[in-house]
Amino acid sequence: MAFCQANRELKIERNSIGDIIIMPPTGWGSGDRNAKITYQLRAWSRKSDLGLSFDSSTGFKLPNGAVRFPDAASVKRDRREAINPEPEKFFPLAPDFVMELRSGSDSLKTLQEKMQEYVDNNVRLGWLVDIQNKQVEIYKLGQQKEVWEQPLSVYRESVLPNFMLDLQAIWS
């Protein structure tokens, strides 16, 4: 946390063996898409009152020791209240839901490995939104990965009740 705060201009992650990973900045197109995604998740979070939503500046300390900053994430309210984490520290658990948006500088293989790491650390649901291939890879705890080709929306009732991510504006 102190290292990240001393280098606020950088987006820094740490893998499970302690290696520091400096994430490249995204262009304005990815920033706009990510804002649209985060906005939709936040609107669902406020309306449903089932959990908290987070943007890409929130760090999560996973059980394997990695510190990751998903592009969007959600934690069920009861899980947050059960641990009552310090608000100015990394969140000390894996989110229930994570989303990664593949920008032009992202390697698909690296993001797929990251998504698998999330699931291996008890993230219940993960969506990898791949702009280049116009597909969404869906990772779910205890299940095989699904790939949806050019969906107009994506949803999963069991983890995010009544949440549907509208992808029409994301693809354009």
Protein backbone atom coordinates (compact mmCIF):
# COMPACT_ATOMS: atom_id res chain seq x y z
CA MET A 1 0.00 0.00 0.00
CA ALA A 2 2.79 2.45 0.91
CA PHE A 3 4.62 1.70 -2.35
CA CYS A 4 1.45 2.33 -4.37
CA GLN A 5 0.78 5.58 -2.52
CA ALA A 6 4.34 6.76 -3.14
CA ASN A 7 3.84 6.11 -6.86
CA ARG A 8 0.30 7.36 -7.41
CA GLU A 9 0.93 8.13 -11.07
CA LEU A 10 1.41 4.40 -11.75
CA LYS A 11 -1.12 1.57 -11.68
CA ILE A 12 0.70 -1.13 -9.77
CA GLU A 13 -0.30 -4.73 -9.10
CA ARG A 14 1.53 -7.51 -7.28
CA ASN A 15 1.34 -11.18 -8.21
CA SER A 16 1.19 -14.06 -5.76
CA ILE A 17 4.99 -14.40 -5.53
CA GLY A 18 5.47 -10.70 -4.80
CA ASP A 19 6.57 -9.48 -8.23
CA ILE A 20 5.56 -5.87 -8.93
CA ILE A 21 3.62 -5.39 -12.18
CA ILE A 22 3.31 -1.87 -13.56
CA MET A 23 0.20 -1.65 -15.70
CA PRO A 24 0.41 0.53 -18.81
CA PRO A 25 -2.02 3.43 -19.06
CA THR A 26 -4.97 3.09 -21.39
CA GLY A 27 -6.06 5.39 -24.17
CA TRP A 28 -9.15 7.54 -23.99
CA GLY A 29 -11.29 4.90 -25.76
CA SER A 30 -10.64 2.30 -23.07
CA GLY A 31 -11.14 4.92 -20.38
CA ASP A 32 -14.52 5.84 -21.83
CA ARG A 33 -15.59 2.18 -22.12
CA ASN A 34 -14.47 1.43 -18.58
CA ALA A 35 -16.43 4.43 -17.25
CA LYS A 36 -19.56 3.14 -19.03
CA ILE A 37 -19.11 -0.30 -17.46
CA THR A 38 -18.40 1.07 -13.98
CA TYR A 39 -21.41 3.38 -14.24
CA GLN A 40 -23.73 0.47 -15.03
CA LEU A 41 -22.39 -1.62 -12.13
CA ARG A 42 -22.70 1.33 -9.75
CA ALA A 43 -26.29 2.00 -10.81
CA TRP A 44 -27.15 -1.67 -10.13
CA SER A 45 -25.38 -1.52 -6.76
CA ARG A 46 -27.32 1.57 -5.66
CA LYS A 47 -30.66 0.21 -6.85
CA SER A 48 -30.30 -3.33 -5.49
CA ASP A 49 -28.49 -2.41 -2.24
CA LEU A 50 -27.00 -5.93 -2.33
CA GLY A 51 -23.38 -4.97 -2.53
CA LEU A 52 -20.72 -2.39 -3.07
CA SER A 53 -19.24 -1.58 -6.46
CA PHE A 54 -15.67 -0.53 -7.15
CA ASP A 55 -13.70 1.01 -10.01
CA SER A 56 -10.21 0.24 -11.26
CA SER A 57 -8.50 2.24 -8.53
CA THR A 58 -9.52 -0.24 -5.80
CA GLY A 59 -6.96 -2.83 -4.75
CA PHE A 60 -7.97 -6.27 -3.53
CA LYS A 61 -5.57 -8.47 -1.57
CA LEU A 62 -6.37 -11.99 -2.73
CA PRO A 63 -5.91 -15.07 -0.51
CA ASN A 64 -2.80 -16.08 -2.53
CA GLY A 65 -1.10 -12.77 -1.57
CA ALA A 66 -1.57 -11.04 -4.94
CA VAL A 67 -2.88 -7.48 -4.98
CA ARG A 68 -5.08 -6.86 -8.01
CA PHE A 69 -7.02 -3.88 -9.34
CA PRO A 70 -9.87 -5.18 -11.52
CA ASP A 71 -11.46 -2.68 -13.89
CA ALA A 72 -14.76 -3.14 -12.03
CA ALA A 73 -15.70 -5.25 -9.03
CA SER A 74 -18.47 -5.93 -6.55
CA VAL A 75 -18.54 -7.32 -3.01
CA LYS A 76 -21.74 -8.45 -1.31
CA ARG A 77 -22.68 -6.13 1.50
CA ASP A 78 -22.79 -8.87 4.16
CA ARG A 79 -19.21 -9.97 3.34
CA ARG A 80 -17.94 -6.41 3.69
CA GLU A 81 -19.80 -5.89 6.94
CA ALA A 82 -18.50 -9.21 8.34
CA ILE A 83 -14.88 -8.08 8.11
CA ASN A 84 -15.31 -4.29 8.41
CA PRO A 85 -12.10 -3.46 6.47
CA GLU A 86 -10.22 -0.20 6.86
CA PRO A 87 -11.39 2.07 4.01
CA GLU A 88 -7.91 3.41 3.21
CA LYS A 89 -6.31 -0.04 2.83
CA PHE A 90 -6.52 -2.70 0.14
CA PHE A 91 -9.72 -4.71 0.44
CA PRO A 92 -8.57 -7.87 2.28
CA LEU A 93 -10.60 -10.41 0.34
CA ALA A 94 -11.49 -11.52 -3.16
CA PRO A 95 -14.50 -9.75 -4.65
CA ASP A 96 -17.65 -11.69 -5.52
CA PHE A 97 -17.50 -10.28 -9.05
CA VAL A 98 -14.72 -8.85 -11.20
CA MET A 99 -14.60 -7.46 -14.69
CA GLU A 100 -11.59 -6.80 -16.86
CA LEU A 101 -11.80 -4.75 -20.04
CA ARG A 102 -9.14 -5.62 -22.61
CA SER A 103 -7.54 -2.43 -23.88
CA GLY A 104 -5.31 -2.17 -26.92
CA SER A 105 -2.16 -2.61 -24.83
CA ASP A 106 -3.41 -5.74 -22.99
CA SER A 107 -2.32 -9.26 -23.83
CA LEU A 108 -5.32 -11.60 -24.03
CA LYS A 109 -3.29 -14.46 -22.54
CA THR A 110 -2.20 -12.34 -19.57
CA LEU A 111 -5.79 -11.24 -18.89
CA GLN A 112 -7.03 -14.84 -19.17
CA GLU A 113 -4.43 -15.90 -16.61
CA LYS A 114 -5.52 -13.05 -14.36
CA MET A 115 -9.17 -14.10 -14.66
CA GLN A 116 -8.25 -17.67 -13.75
CA GLU A 117 -6.31 -16.35 -10.75
CA TYR A 118 -9.42 -14.52 -9.60
CA VAL A 119 -11.52 -17.69 -9.78
CA ASP A 120 -8.77 -19.72 -8.11
CA ASN A 121 -9.01 -17.21 -5.23
CA ASN A 122 -12.79 -17.63 -4.79
CA VAL A 123 -14.11 -14.87 -7.02
CA ARG A 124 -17.57 -16.21 -7.84
CA LEU A 125 -17.95 -14.54 -11.24
CA GLY A 126 -15.64 -12.80 -13.69
CA TRP A 127 -16.21 -11.21 -17.08
CA LEU A 128 -13.39 -10.52 -19.50
CA VAL A 129 -14.70 -8.05 -22.06
CA ASP A 130 -12.51 -8.36 -25.15
CA ILE A 131 -13.02 -5.35 -27.40
CA GLN A 132 -10.70 -6.59 -30.15
CA ASN A 133 -12.61 -9.87 -30.66
CA LYS A 134 -16.01 -8.53 -29.56
CA GLN A 135 -16.54 -11.34 -27.11
CA VAL A 136 -17.02 -11.85 -23.40
CA GLU A 137 -15.33 -14.66 -21.53
CA ILE A 138 -17.32 -15.69 -18.48
CA TYR A 139 -15.47 -17.26 -15.57
CA LYS A 140 -17.50 -18.83 -12.79
CA LEU A 141 -16.25 -20.54 -9.65
CA GLY A 142 -16.36 -24.31 -10.11
CA GLN A 143 -17.40 -24.19 -13.78
CA GLN A 144 -15.83 -24.17 -17.22
CA LYS A 145 -15.21 -20.84 -18.94
CA GLU A 146 -17.91 -19.73 -21.38
CA VAL A 147 -17.29 -17.50 -24.39
CA TRP A 148 -20.09 -15.32 -25.75
CA GLU A 149 -19.57 -13.99 -29.27
CA GLN A 150 -20.64 -10.37 -29.88
CA PRO A 151 -23.33 -10.28 -27.17
CA LEU A 152 -25.43 -7.14 -26.89
CA SER A 153 -25.63 -7.73 -23.13
CA VAL A 154 -24.36 -10.13 -20.51
CA TYR A 155 -25.88 -11.16 -17.19
CA ARG A 156 -25.67 -13.75 -14.40
CA GLU A 157 -28.58 -13.83 -11.98
CA SER A 158 -27.01 -15.93 -9.21
CA VAL A 159 -24.15 -13.53 -8.41
CA LEU A 160 -25.55 -10.19 -9.62
CA PRO A 161 -29.35 -10.47 -9.35
CA ASN A 162 -31.12 -8.33 -11.97
CA PHE A 163 -27.85 -6.87 -13.32
CA MET A 164 -27.46 -6.78 -17.08
CA LEU A 165 -24.43 -5.17 -18.65
CA ASP A 166 -25.41 -3.36 -21.84
CA LEU A 167 -22.53 -3.87 -24.29
CA GLN A 168 -23.94 -1.99 -27.29
CA ALA A 169 -22.11 1.23 -26.40
CA ILE A 170 -18.98 -0.72 -25.44
CA TRP A 171 -18.58 -2.36 -28.87
CA SER A 172 -18.96 0.90 -30.78
